[in-house]
Amino acid sequence: MKKEDLRIVYMGTPDFAVEALRCLVEGGYNVVGVITMPDKPAGRGHKLQQSPVKQYALAHGLPLLQPEKLKDETFLAQLRAWQADLQIVVAFRMLPEVVWAMPRLGTFNLHASLLPQYRGAAPINWAVINGDTETGVTTFFLKHEIDTGEVIRQERVAIADTDDAGTVHDRLMLLGGRVVTETVDAILDGTATSIPQEQMAASEPLRPAPKIFKDTCRIDWSRSVKEVYDFVRGLSPYPAAWTELHQPGQEPVVLKVFETEKLPGAHGLPVGMVVTDGKTYLRVAAADGLVGIRSLQLPGKKRLHVDELLRGFRLTELARVE
């Protein structure tokens, strides 16, 4: 079968999922339908906002479905009518078996980690938070348990010490587009082989990648300088690490922290103590040194470099964060 004859249904929602869809469409693959999340209210006006995948699908005239429930009989009938040979899932949601088992060639998922490591909703963030020096993408066939299906292809990329979750996201997004089309080609020409994850050697204990909530993002200044540094870049630029600034006689202020630098060394200060010249630098005492804060954000304000913020925000000598 030629790629022009293979009927593909694509499922995805955020920016990360647009690249693979773009590669399929521009590569001449036969995408017969797209499924994405329903529009959601966003912003101050709570206007309904289309997902990036929906925007791409509409711009390229692709048939589109936005089901509230994936077991809804009306949706299932519409999905069957597309007569997909293959379904591809990138950053969408957990599928019921009635959906993923529908195509004759199955359904495969693109996941932003080297499975079996980092199964879960936030693999990019957790790989950076944990200080990993390597990550990658994996395509695998879906089965009942989430992120546990047989692996088809994997590609690796390095994580530099200067990377944050945003730069790794963009690198994996581009890589993922290529790996998705390579996976389709292998399925088409019959060369695709899949390996059970249980047979893949893991050199270290498996690490999960659970969904990240606001409480997850609070900085623990009692950790080492490196751990705090990795934590901040693993959550930058979104959802962003945060800490609470306390100054005598003032209400606590929440600071989002986007970029830091490592300043290891003995200091004798209480953990969380703020050290600043009030003009050019802001440092916080951690367990084994100081963490220099390079860019941050006050509530309701834009992200600023530390010297920009200090020009309009006064810190007292007894300031601390926790």
C-alpha atoms as a PDB file:
ATOM      1  CA  MET A   1       0.000   0.000   0.000  1.00  0.00           C
ATOM      2  CA  LYS A   2       1.189   3.523  -0.827  1.00  0.00           C
ATOM      3  CA  LYS A   3       1.176   6.268   1.796  1.00  0.00           C
ATOM      4  CA  GLU A   4      -1.442   8.130  -0.246  1.00  0.00           C
ATOM      5  CA  ASP A   5      -3.814   5.158   0.215  1.00  0.00           C
ATOM      6  CA  LEU A   6      -3.232   4.541   3.932  1.00  0.00           C
ATOM      7  CA  ARG A   7      -6.119   6.141   5.809  1.00  0.00           C
ATOM      8  CA  ILE A   8      -4.769   7.869   8.941  1.00  0.00           C
ATOM      9  CA  VAL A   9      -6.720   9.419  11.806  1.00  0.00           C
ATOM     10  CA  TYR A  10      -4.657  11.784  13.935  1.00  0.00           C
ATOM     11  CA  MET A  11      -5.346  12.668  17.587  1.00  0.00           C
ATOM     12  CA  GLY A  12      -3.651  15.486  19.497  1.00  0.00           C
ATOM     13  CA  THR A  13      -4.186  18.834  21.184  1.00  0.00           C
ATOM     14  CA  PRO A  14      -1.210  21.112  22.121  1.00  0.00           C
ATOM     15  CA  ASP A  15       1.606  22.711  20.124  1.00  0.00           C
ATOM     16  CA  PHE A  16       3.722  19.599  20.625  1.00  0.00           C
ATOM     17  CA  ALA A  17       1.213  17.616  18.545  1.00  0.00           C
ATOM     18  CA  VAL A  18       1.101  20.049  15.611  1.00  0.00           C
ATOM     19  CA  GLU A  19       4.567  19.230  14.265  1.00  0.00           C
ATOM     20  CA  ALA A  20       3.871  15.544  13.617  1.00  0.00           C
ATOM     21  CA  LEU A  21       0.553  16.400  11.972  1.00  0.00           C
ATOM     22  CA  ARG A  22       2.335  18.968   9.795  1.00  0.00           C
ATOM     23  CA  CYS A  23       4.943  16.372   8.779  1.00  0.00           C
ATOM     24  CA  LEU A  24       2.189  13.943   7.777  1.00  0.00           C
ATOM     25  CA  VAL A  25       0.203  16.489   5.770  1.00  0.00           C
ATOM     26  CA  GLU A  26       3.212  18.049   4.032  1.00  0.00           C
ATOM     27  CA  GLY A  27       4.708  14.588   3.473  1.00  0.00           C
ATOM     28  CA  GLY A  28       1.704  13.537   1.401  1.00  0.00           C
ATOM     29  CA  TYR A  29       0.209  11.061   3.869  1.00  0.00           C
ATOM     30  CA  ASN A  30      -3.552  10.543   3.744  1.00  0.00           C
ATOM     31  CA  VAL A  31      -4.891  12.118   6.949  1.00  0.00           C
ATOM     32  CA  VAL A  32      -8.642  11.466   6.690  1.00  0.00           C
ATOM     33  CA  GLY A  33      -9.564  13.017  10.040  1.00  0.00           C
ATOM     34  CA  VAL A  34      -8.307  14.804  13.126  1.00  0.00           C
ATOM     35  CA  ILE A  35      -9.540  14.489  16.718  1.00  0.00           C
ATOM     36  CA  THR A  36      -8.754  17.097  19.354  1.00  0.00           C
ATOM     37  CA  MET A  37     -10.086  18.336  22.683  1.00  0.00           C
ATOM     38  CA  PRO A  38     -13.200  20.546  22.833  1.00  0.00           C
ATOM     39  CA  ASP A  39     -12.580  24.302  22.869  1.00  0.00           C
ATOM     40  CA  LYS A  40     -11.874  25.623  26.369  1.00  0.00           C
ATOM     41  CA  PRO A  41     -12.421  29.053  27.938  1.00  0.00           C
ATOM     42  CA  ALA A  42      -9.150  30.937  28.441  1.00  0.00           C
ATOM     43  CA  GLY A  43      -7.869  34.409  29.294  1.00  0.00           C
ATOM     44  CA  ARG A  44      -9.560  37.208  31.175  1.00  0.00           C
ATOM     45  CA  GLY A  45     -12.626  37.178  28.962  1.00  0.00           C
ATOM     46  CA  HIS A  46     -12.968  33.381  29.218  1.00  0.00           C
ATOM     47  CA  LYS A  47     -13.444  33.192  25.476  1.00  0.00           C
ATOM     48  CA  LEU A  48     -13.438  29.726  23.972  1.00  0.00           C
ATOM     49  CA  GLN A  49      -9.993  28.933  22.631  1.00  0.00           C
ATOM     50  CA  GLN A  50      -9.229  26.436  19.894  1.00  0.00           C
ATOM     51  CA  SER A  51      -6.421  23.960  20.448  1.00  0.00           C
ATOM     52  CA  PRO A  52      -3.307  24.371  18.280  1.00  0.00           C
ATOM     53  CA  VAL A  53      -4.149  21.084  16.538  1.00  0.00           C
ATOM     54  CA  LYS A  54      -7.664  22.321  15.734  1.00  0.00           C
ATOM     55  CA  GLN A  55      -6.243  25.548  14.325  1.00  0.00           C
ATOM     56  CA  TYR A  56      -3.904  23.580  12.055  1.00  0.00           C
ATOM     57  CA  ALA A  57      -6.655  21.177  10.957  1.00  0.00           C
ATOM     58  CA  LEU A  58      -9.038  24.009  10.062  1.00  0.00           C
ATOM     59  CA  ALA A  59      -6.318  25.903   8.197  1.00  0.00           C
ATOM     60  CA  HIS A  60      -5.643  22.825   6.042  1.00  0.00           C
ATOM     61  CA  GLY A  61      -9.228  21.693   5.494  1.00  0.00           C
ATOM     62  CA  LEU A  62      -8.934  18.474   7.501  1.00  0.00           C
ATOM     63  CA  PRO A  63     -12.131  16.823   8.827  1.00  0.00           C
ATOM     64  CA  LEU A  64     -12.330  17.420  12.584  1.00  0.00           C
ATOM     65  CA  LEU A  65     -14.052  15.911  15.619  1.00  0.00           C
ATOM     66  CA  GLN A  66     -13.996  17.251  19.197  1.00  0.00           C
ATOM     67  CA  PRO A  67     -15.725  14.660  21.374  1.00  0.00           C
ATOM     68  CA  GLU A  68     -16.506  15.351  25.029  1.00  0.00           C
ATOM     69  CA  LYS A  69     -16.591  11.615  25.736  1.00  0.00           C
ATOM     70  CA  LEU A  70     -14.620   9.044  23.788  1.00  0.00           C
ATOM     71  CA  LYS A  71     -17.173   6.274  24.411  1.00  0.00           C
ATOM     72  CA  ASP A  72     -20.071   8.344  23.057  1.00  0.00           C
ATOM     73  CA  GLU A  73     -21.894   6.304  20.403  1.00  0.00           C
ATOM     74  CA  THR A  74     -22.321   9.255  18.053  1.00  0.00           C
ATOM     75  CA  PHE A  75     -18.573   9.931  18.137  1.00  0.00           C
ATOM     76  CA  LEU A  76     -17.717   6.248  17.665  1.00  0.00           C
ATOM     77  CA  ALA A  77     -19.991   6.073  14.623  1.00  0.00           C
ATOM     78  CA  GLN A  78     -18.307   9.149  13.136  1.00  0.00           C
ATOM     79  CA  LEU A  79     -14.878   7.644  13.812  1.00  0.00           C
ATOM     80  CA  ARG A  80     -15.844   4.344  12.172  1.00  0.00           C
ATOM     81  CA  ALA A  81     -17.094   6.233   9.121  1.00  0.00           C
ATOM     82  CA  TRP A  82     -13.555   7.513   8.511  1.00  0.00           C
ATOM     83  CA  GLN A  83     -12.477   3.856   8.042  1.00  0.00           C
ATOM     84  CA  ALA A  84      -8.973   4.460   9.368  1.00  0.00           C
ATOM     85  CA  ASP A  85      -6.257   1.911   8.675  1.00  0.00           C
ATOM     86  CA  LEU A  86      -4.041   3.478  11.359  1.00  0.00           C
ATOM     87  CA  GLN A  87      -4.491   5.929  14.217  1.00  0.00           C
ATOM     88  CA  ILE A  88      -1.728   8.161  15.591  1.00  0.00           C
ATOM     89  CA  VAL A  89      -1.886   9.783  19.019  1.00  0.00           C
ATOM     90  CA  VAL A  90       0.361  12.665  20.145  1.00  0.00           C
ATOM     91  CA  ALA A  91      -0.313  14.467  23.451  1.00  0.00           C
ATOM     92  CA  PHE A  92      -4.041  13.768  23.511  1.00  0.00           C
ATOM     93  CA  ARG A  93      -5.702  11.760  26.274  1.00  0.00           C
ATOM     94  CA  MET A  94      -6.123   8.176  27.404  1.00  0.00           C
ATOM     95  CA  LEU A  95      -8.131   6.212  24.832  1.00  0.00           C
ATOM     96  CA  PRO A  96     -10.663   3.466  25.578  1.00  0.00           C
ATOM     97  CA  GLU A  97     -10.047   0.119  23.877  1.00  0.00           C
ATOM     98  CA  VAL A  98     -13.069   0.617  21.614  1.00  0.00           C
ATOM     99  CA  VAL A  99     -11.141   3.519  20.052  1.00  0.00           C
ATOM    100  CA  TRP A 100      -7.533   2.312  19.962  1.00  0.00           C
ATOM    101  CA  ALA A 101      -8.435  -1.177  18.758  1.00  0.00           C
ATOM    102  CA  MET A 102     -10.570   0.078  15.870  1.00  0.00           C
ATOM    103  CA  PRO A 103      -8.048   0.384  12.965  1.00  0.00           C
ATOM    104  CA  ARG A 104      -6.789  -2.790  11.294  1.00  0.00           C
ATOM    105  CA  LEU A 105      -3.139  -1.684  11.720  1.00  0.00           C
ATOM    106  CA  GLY A 106      -3.652  -0.489  15.295  1.00  0.00           C
ATOM    107  CA  THR A 107      -2.957   2.807  17.061  1.00  0.00           C
ATOM    108  CA  PHE A 108       0.453   4.124  17.985  1.00  0.00           C
ATOM    109  CA  ASN A 109       1.448   6.939  20.329  1.00  0.00           C
ATOM    110  CA  LEU A 110       4.395   9.344  20.313  1.00  0.00           C
ATOM    111  CA  HIS A 111       5.709   9.852  23.860  1.00  0.00           C
ATOM    112  CA  ALA A 112       8.332  12.426  24.849  1.00  0.00           C
ATOM    113  CA  SER A 113      10.652  10.126  26.776  1.00  0.00           C
ATOM    114  CA  LEU A 114      12.757   7.018  26.357  1.00  0.00           C
ATOM    115  CA  LEU A 115      10.186   4.513  27.535  1.00  0.00           C
ATOM    116  CA  PRO A 116       9.915   2.679  29.840  1.00  0.00           C
ATOM    117  CA  GLN A 117      11.343   5.705  31.675  1.00  0.00           C
ATOM    118  CA  TYR A 118       8.999   8.590  32.484  1.00  0.00           C
ATOM    119  CA  ARG A 119       5.599   7.124  31.859  1.00  0.00           C
ATOM    120  CA  GLY A 120       3.031   9.788  32.587  1.00  0.00           C
ATOM    121  CA  ALA A 121       1.800  13.261  31.711  1.00  0.00           C
ATOM    122  CA  ALA A 122       4.955  15.383  32.127  1.00  0.00           C
ATOM    123  CA  PRO A 123       8.005  13.447  30.866  1.00  0.00           C
ATOM    124  CA  ILE A 124       9.946  16.488  29.625  1.00  0.00           C
ATOM    125  CA  ASN A 125       9.625  18.399  32.882  1.00  0.00           C
ATOM    126  CA  TRP A 126      10.643  15.468  35.076  1.00  0.00           C
ATOM    127  CA  ALA A 127      13.669  14.526  32.964  1.00  0.00           C
ATOM    128  CA  VAL A 128      15.065  18.053  33.380  1.00  0.00           C
ATOM    129  CA  ILE A 129      14.056  18.315  37.055  1.00  0.00           C
ATOM    130  CA  ASN A 130      15.924  15.078  37.749  1.00  0.00           C
ATOM    131  CA  GLY A 131      19.062  16.416  36.079  1.00  0.00           C
ATOM    132  CA  ASP A 132      19.104  13.851  33.261  1.00  0.00           C
ATOM    133  CA  THR A 133      21.634  14.421  30.490  1.00  0.00           C
ATOM    134  CA  GLU A 134      19.653  12.494  27.864  1.00  0.00           C
ATOM    135  CA  THR A 135      16.065  12.025  26.797  1.00  0.00           C
ATOM    136  CA  GLY A 136      14.241  11.284  23.562  1.00  0.00           C
ATOM    137  CA  VAL A 137      11.001  10.204  21.939  1.00  0.00           C
ATOM    138  CA  THR A 138       9.331   6.827  21.618  1.00  0.00           C
ATOM    139  CA  THR A 139       6.584   5.492  19.375  1.00  0.00           C
ATOM    140  CA  PHE A 140       4.665   2.513  20.721  1.00  0.00           C
ATOM    141  CA  PHE A 141       1.445   0.606  20.072  1.00  0.00           C
ATOM    142  CA  LEU A 142      -1.328   1.343  22.547  1.00  0.00           C
ATOM    143  CA  LYS A 143      -2.664  -1.229  24.963  1.00  0.00           C
ATOM    144  CA  HIS A 144      -4.654  -1.104  28.213  1.00  0.00           C
ATOM    145  CA  GLU A 145      -2.111   0.293  30.687  1.00  0.00           C
ATOM    146  CA  ILE A 146      -0.989   3.840  29.907  1.00  0.00           C
ATOM    147  CA  ASP A 147       2.447   4.223  28.225  1.00  0.00           C
ATOM    148  CA  THR A 148       3.214   0.492  28.485  1.00  0.00           C
ATOM    149  CA  GLY A 149       2.688  -0.747  24.908  1.00  0.00           C
ATOM    150  CA  GLU A 150       5.298  -2.370  22.690  1.00  0.00           C
ATOM    151  CA  VAL A 151       7.965   0.061  21.478  1.00  0.00           C
ATOM    152  CA  ILE A 152       8.367   0.599  17.732  1.00  0.00           C
ATOM    153  CA  ARG A 153      11.055   3.303  17.466  1.00  0.00           C
ATOM    154  CA  GLN A 154      13.180   5.462  19.757  1.00  0.00           C
ATOM    155  CA  GLU A 155      15.442   8.439  19.113  1.00  0.00           C
ATOM    156  CA  ARG A 156      17.742  10.028  21.712  1.00  0.00           C
ATOM    157  CA  VAL A 157      18.792  13.625  22.297  1.00  0.00           C
ATOM    158  CA  ALA A 158      21.158  15.211  24.810  1.00  0.00           C
ATOM    159  CA  ILE A 159      19.984  17.566  27.542  1.00  0.00           C
ATOM    160  CA  ALA A 160      22.529  20.320  28.148  1.00  0.00           C
ATOM    161  CA  ASP A 161      23.003  21.847  31.588  1.00  0.00           C
ATOM    162  CA  THR A 162      21.764  25.130  30.120  1.00  0.00           C
ATOM    163  CA  ASP A 163      18.559  23.630  28.683  1.00  0.00           C
ATOM    164  CA  ASP A 164      15.182  24.173  30.268  1.00  0.00           C
ATOM    165  CA  ALA A 165      11.886  22.362  29.701  1.00  0.00           C
ATOM    166  CA  GLY A 166      11.035  24.780  26.890  1.00  0.00           C
ATOM    167  CA  THR A 167      14.149  24.160  24.819  1.00  0.00           C
ATOM    168  CA  VAL A 168      13.911  20.390  25.319  1.00  0.00           C
ATOM    169  CA  HIS A 169      10.207  20.486  24.389  1.00  0.00           C
ATOM    170  CA  ASP A 170      10.972  22.233  21.098  1.00  0.00           C
ATOM    171  CA  ARG A 171      13.799  19.839  20.245  1.00  0.00           C
ATOM    172  CA  LEU A 172      11.661  16.773  20.953  1.00  0.00           C
ATOM    173  CA  MET A 173       8.699  18.252  19.061  1.00  0.00           C
ATOM    174  CA  LEU A 174      10.771  18.530  15.874  1.00  0.00           C
ATOM    175  CA  LEU A 175      12.339  15.110  16.395  1.00  0.00           C
ATOM    176  CA  GLY A 176       8.923  13.611  17.086  1.00  0.00           C
ATOM    177  CA  GLY A 177       7.541  14.762  13.756  1.00  0.00           C
ATOM    178  CA  ARG A 178      10.255  12.860  11.926  1.00  0.00           C
ATOM    179  CA  VAL A 179       9.931   9.748  14.082  1.00  0.00           C
ATOM    180  CA  VAL A 180       6.168   9.619  13.509  1.00  0.00           C
ATOM    181  CA  THR A 181       6.569   9.595   9.728  1.00  0.00           C
ATOM    182  CA  GLU A 182       9.382   7.014   9.972  1.00  0.00           C
ATOM    183  CA  THR A 183       7.101   4.836  12.094  1.00  0.00           C
ATOM    184  CA  VAL A 184       4.293   5.089   9.532  1.00  0.00           C
ATOM    185  CA  ASP A 185       6.733   4.190   6.747  1.00  0.00           C
ATOM    186  CA  ALA A 186       7.935   1.125   8.651  1.00  0.00           C
ATOM    187  CA  ILE A 187       4.354  -0.023   9.263  1.00  0.00           C
ATOM    188  CA  LEU A 188       3.558   0.531   5.591  1.00  0.00           C
ATOM    189  CA  ASP A 189       6.491  -1.451   4.226  1.00  0.00           C
ATOM    190  CA  GLY A 190       6.173  -4.225   6.789  1.00  0.00           C
ATOM    191  CA  THR A 191       9.532  -3.588   8.484  1.00  0.00           C
ATOM    192  CA  ALA A 192       8.073  -2.316  11.778  1.00  0.00           C
ATOM    193  CA  THR A 193       8.989  -4.491  14.730  1.00  0.00           C
ATOM    194  CA  SER A 194       7.810  -3.850  18.253  1.00  0.00           C
ATOM    195  CA  ILE A 195       9.469  -4.797  21.521  1.00  0.00           C
ATOM    196  CA  PRO A 196       7.660  -5.325  24.847  1.00  0.00           C
ATOM    197  CA  GLN A 197       8.908  -2.745  27.330  1.00  0.00           C
ATOM    198  CA  GLU A 198       9.530  -5.523  29.849  1.00  0.00           C
ATOM    199  CA  GLN A 199      12.312  -6.791  27.564  1.00  0.00           C
ATOM    200  CA  MET A 200      14.053  -3.418  27.350  1.00  0.00           C
ATOM    201  CA  ALA A 201      16.989  -3.208  29.717  1.00  0.00           C
ATOM    202  CA  ALA A 202      16.682  -0.421  32.271  1.00  0.00           C
ATOM    203  CA  SER A 203      20.028   0.672  33.707  1.00  0.00           C
ATOM    204  CA  GLU A 204      18.329   2.382  36.653  1.00  0.00           C
ATOM    205  CA  PRO A 205      15.003   2.235  38.517  1.00  0.00           C
ATOM    206  CA  LEU A 206      12.039   3.464  36.521  1.00  0.00           C
ATOM    207  CA  ARG A 207      11.088   7.064  37.151  1.00  0.00           C
ATOM    208  CA  PRO A 208       7.480   8.232  36.768  1.00  0.00           C
ATOM    209  CA  ALA A 209       6.337  11.488  35.147  1.00  0.00           C
ATOM    210  CA  PRO A 210       3.125  12.398  36.974  1.00  0.00           C
ATOM    211  CA  LYS A 211       1.009  15.417  36.153  1.00  0.00           C
ATOM    212  CA  ILE A 212       2.380  18.643  37.637  1.00  0.00           C
ATOM    213  CA  PHE A 213       0.227  20.770  39.927  1.00  0.00           C
ATOM    214  CA  LYS A 214       0.840  24.159  41.553  1.00  0.00           C
ATOM    215  CA  ASP A 215       2.081  22.604  44.803  1.00  0.00           C
ATOM    216  CA  THR A 216       4.547  20.503  42.796  1.00  0.00           C
ATOM    217  CA  CYS A 217       6.195  23.720  41.579  1.00  0.00           C
ATOM    218  CA  ARG A 218       7.125  25.210  44.976  1.00  0.00           C
ATOM    219  CA  ILE A 219      10.892  25.482  45.433  1.00  0.00           C
ATOM    220  CA  ASP A 220      12.431  23.644  48.378  1.00  0.00           C
ATOM    221  CA  TRP A 221      15.445  25.768  49.319  1.00  0.00           C
ATOM    222  CA  SER A 222      16.757  23.090  51.705  1.00  0.00           C
ATOM    223  CA  ARG A 223      17.865  21.078  48.659  1.00  0.00           C
ATOM    224  CA  SER A 224      21.292  21.362  47.081  1.00  0.00           C
ATOM    225  CA  VAL A 225      22.160  24.200  44.695  1.00  0.00           C
ATOM    226  CA  LYS A 226      22.153  21.796  41.740  1.00  0.00           C
ATOM    227  CA  GLU A 227      18.784  20.322  42.713  1.00  0.00           C
ATOM    228  CA  VAL A 228      17.198  23.772  42.950  1.00  0.00           C
ATOM    229  CA  TYR A 229      18.812  24.807  39.654  1.00  0.00           C
ATOM    230  CA  ASP A 230      17.497  21.690  37.878  1.00  0.00           C
ATOM    231  CA  PHE A 231      14.064  22.091  39.473  1.00  0.00           C
ATOM    232  CA  VAL A 232      13.691  25.660  38.202  1.00  0.00           C
ATOM    233  CA  ARG A 233      14.797  24.887  34.638  1.00  0.00           C
ATOM    234  CA  GLY A 234      12.621  21.761  34.585  1.00  0.00           C
ATOM    235  CA  LEU A 235       9.558  23.960  35.098  1.00  0.00           C
ATOM    236  CA  SER A 236      10.636  26.882  32.889  1.00  0.00           C
ATOM    237  CA  PRO A 237       8.979  28.580  31.107  1.00  0.00           C
ATOM    238  CA  TYR A 238       5.794  26.749  32.040  1.00  0.00           C
ATOM    239  CA  PRO A 239       4.258  26.158  34.532  1.00  0.00           C
ATOM    240  CA  ALA A 240       7.188  27.873  36.354  1.00  0.00           C
ATOM    241  CA  ALA A 241       8.727  27.207  39.749  1.00  0.00           C
ATOM    242  CA  TRP A 242       7.640  29.570  42.511  1.00  0.00           C
ATOM    243  CA  THR A 243       8.542  30.647  46.008  1.00  0.00           C
ATOM    244  CA  GLU A 244       7.052  32.912  48.631  1.00  0.00           C
ATOM    245  CA  LEU A 245       8.951  36.091  49.563  1.00  0.00           C
ATOM    246  CA  HIS A 246       8.639  37.210  53.181  1.00  0.00           C
ATOM    247  CA  GLN A 247       9.697  40.654  54.405  1.00  0.00           C
ATOM    248  CA  PRO A 248       9.103  42.060  57.898  1.00  0.00           C
ATOM    249  CA  GLY A 249       5.836  43.992  58.170  1.00  0.00           C
ATOM    250  CA  GLN A 250       4.698  43.046  54.659  1.00  0.00           C
ATOM    251  CA  GLU A 251       2.339  40.490  53.169  1.00  0.00           C
ATOM    252  CA  PRO A 252       4.084  37.516  51.556  1.00  0.00           C
ATOM    253  CA  VAL A 253       4.568  37.831  47.782  1.00  0.00           C
ATOM    254  CA  VAL A 254       4.657  34.912  45.344  1.00  0.00           C
ATOM    255  CA  LEU A 255       7.596  35.030  42.935  1.00  0.00           C
ATOM    256  CA  LYS A 256       7.780  32.878  39.826  1.00  0.00           C
ATOM    257  CA  VAL A 257      11.378  31.916  39.084  1.00  0.00           C
ATOM    258  CA  PHE A 258      12.432  31.102  35.510  1.00  0.00           C
ATOM    259  CA  GLU A 259      16.216  31.142  35.434  1.00  0.00           C
ATOM    260  CA  THR A 260      18.928  30.696  38.056  1.00  0.00           C
ATOM    261  CA  GLU A 261      22.661  30.177  38.339  1.00  0.00           C
ATOM    262  CA  LYS A 262      24.655  27.848  40.592  1.00  0.00           C
ATOM    263  CA  LEU A 263      26.929  29.440  43.201  1.00  0.00           C
ATOM    264  CA  PRO A 264      28.097  26.506  45.352  1.00  0.00           C
ATOM    265  CA  GLY A 265      30.139  27.057  48.507  1.00  0.00           C
ATOM    266  CA  ALA A 266      29.849  27.425  52.273  1.00  0.00           C
ATOM    267  CA  HIS A 267      27.883  30.461  53.445  1.00  0.00           C
ATOM    268  CA  GLY A 268      26.666  30.017  57.047  1.00  0.00           C
ATOM    269  CA  LEU A 269      23.272  31.566  56.240  1.00  0.00           C
ATOM    270  CA  PRO A 270      19.845  30.169  57.117  1.00  0.00           C
ATOM    271  CA  VAL A 271      18.262  28.289  54.220  1.00  0.00           C
ATOM    272  CA  GLY A 272      16.025  30.663  52.271  1.00  0.00           C
ATOM    273  CA  MET A 273      17.824  33.854  53.301  1.00  0.00           C
ATOM    274  CA  VAL A 274      17.946  36.436  50.500  1.00  0.00           C
ATOM    275  CA  VAL A 275      21.269  38.125  49.699  1.00  0.00           C
ATOM    276  CA  THR A 276      21.163  41.174  47.392  1.00  0.00           C
ATOM    277  CA  ASP A 277      22.872  44.451  46.638  1.00  0.00           C
ATOM    278  CA  GLY A 278      19.466  45.898  45.773  1.00  0.00           C
ATOM    279  CA  LYS A 279      20.604  46.660  42.214  1.00  0.00           C
ATOM    280  CA  THR A 280      22.150  43.835  40.216  1.00  0.00           C
ATOM    281  CA  TYR A 281      21.844  40.490  41.981  1.00  0.00           C
ATOM    282  CA  LEU A 282      19.487  38.443  44.126  1.00  0.00           C
ATOM    283  CA  ARG A 283      20.749  35.234  45.689  1.00  0.00           C
ATOM    284  CA  VAL A 284      19.125  32.691  47.971  1.00  0.00           C
ATOM    285  CA  ALA A 285      20.841  30.436  50.480  1.00  0.00           C
ATOM    286  CA  ALA A 286      20.387  26.736  49.726  1.00  0.00           C
ATOM    287  CA  ALA A 287      21.835  23.698  51.495  1.00  0.00           C
ATOM    288  CA  ASP A 288      25.337  23.830  49.997  1.00  0.00           C
ATOM    289  CA  GLY A 289      25.656  27.282  48.461  1.00  0.00           C
ATOM    290  CA  LEU A 290      23.752  30.170  46.924  1.00  0.00           C
ATOM    291  CA  VAL A 291      21.292  30.105  44.051  1.00  0.00           C
ATOM    292  CA  GLY A 292      21.460  33.261  41.946  1.00  0.00           C
ATOM    293  CA  ILE A 293      18.055  34.228  40.557  1.00  0.00           C
ATOM    294  CA  ARG A 294      18.425  35.622  37.037  1.00  0.00           C
ATOM    295  CA  SER A 295      14.839  36.098  35.864  1.00  0.00           C
ATOM    296  CA  LEU A 296      11.574  36.129  37.783  1.00  0.00           C
ATOM    297  CA  GLN A 297       8.055  37.499  37.849  1.00  0.00           C
ATOM    298  CA  LEU A 298       5.867  39.309  40.373  1.00  0.00           C
ATOM    299  CA  PRO A 299       2.092  38.640  40.468  1.00  0.00           C
ATOM    300  CA  GLY A 300       0.320  40.440  37.630  1.00  0.00           C
ATOM    301  CA  LYS A 301       3.610  41.625  36.103  1.00  0.00           C
ATOM    302  CA  LYS A 302       5.718  40.420  33.188  1.00  0.00           C
ATOM    303  CA  ARG A 303       8.847  38.308  33.468  1.00  0.00           C
ATOM    304  CA  LEU A 304      11.920  40.450  34.208  1.00  0.00           C
ATOM    305  CA  HIS A 305      15.651  40.066  34.529  1.00  0.00           C
ATOM    306  CA  VAL A 306      16.687  40.474  38.157  1.00  0.00           C
ATOM    307  CA  ASP A 307      18.285  43.897  37.674  1.00  0.00           C
ATOM    308  CA  GLU A 308      15.109  45.185  35.993  1.00  0.00           C
ATOM    309  CA  LEU A 309      12.995  43.969  38.885  1.00  0.00           C
ATOM    310  CA  LEU A 310      15.290  45.435  41.544  1.00  0.00           C
ATOM    311  CA  ARG A 311      15.039  48.886  39.965  1.00  0.00           C
ATOM    312  CA  GLY A 312      11.391  49.060  41.002  1.00  0.00           C
ATOM    313  CA  PHE A 313      11.088  46.613  43.898  1.00  0.00           C
ATOM    314  CA  ARG A 314      12.705  47.180  47.282  1.00  0.00           C
ATOM    315  CA  LEU A 315      14.051  44.259  49.316  1.00  0.00           C
ATOM    316  CA  THR A 316      14.830  44.582  53.014  1.00  0.00           C
ATOM    317  CA  GLU A 317      17.908  43.125  54.722  1.00  0.00           C
ATOM    318  CA  LEU A 318      15.857  40.423  56.442  1.00  0.00           C
ATOM    319  CA  ALA A 319      14.059  39.166  53.337  1.00  0.00           C
ATOM    320  CA  ARG A 320      13.697  35.405  53.023  1.00  0.00           C
ATOM    321  CA  VAL A 321      11.918  32.952  50.775  1.00  0.00           C
ATOM    322  CA  GLU A 322      10.213  29.697  51.581  1.00  0.00           C
END
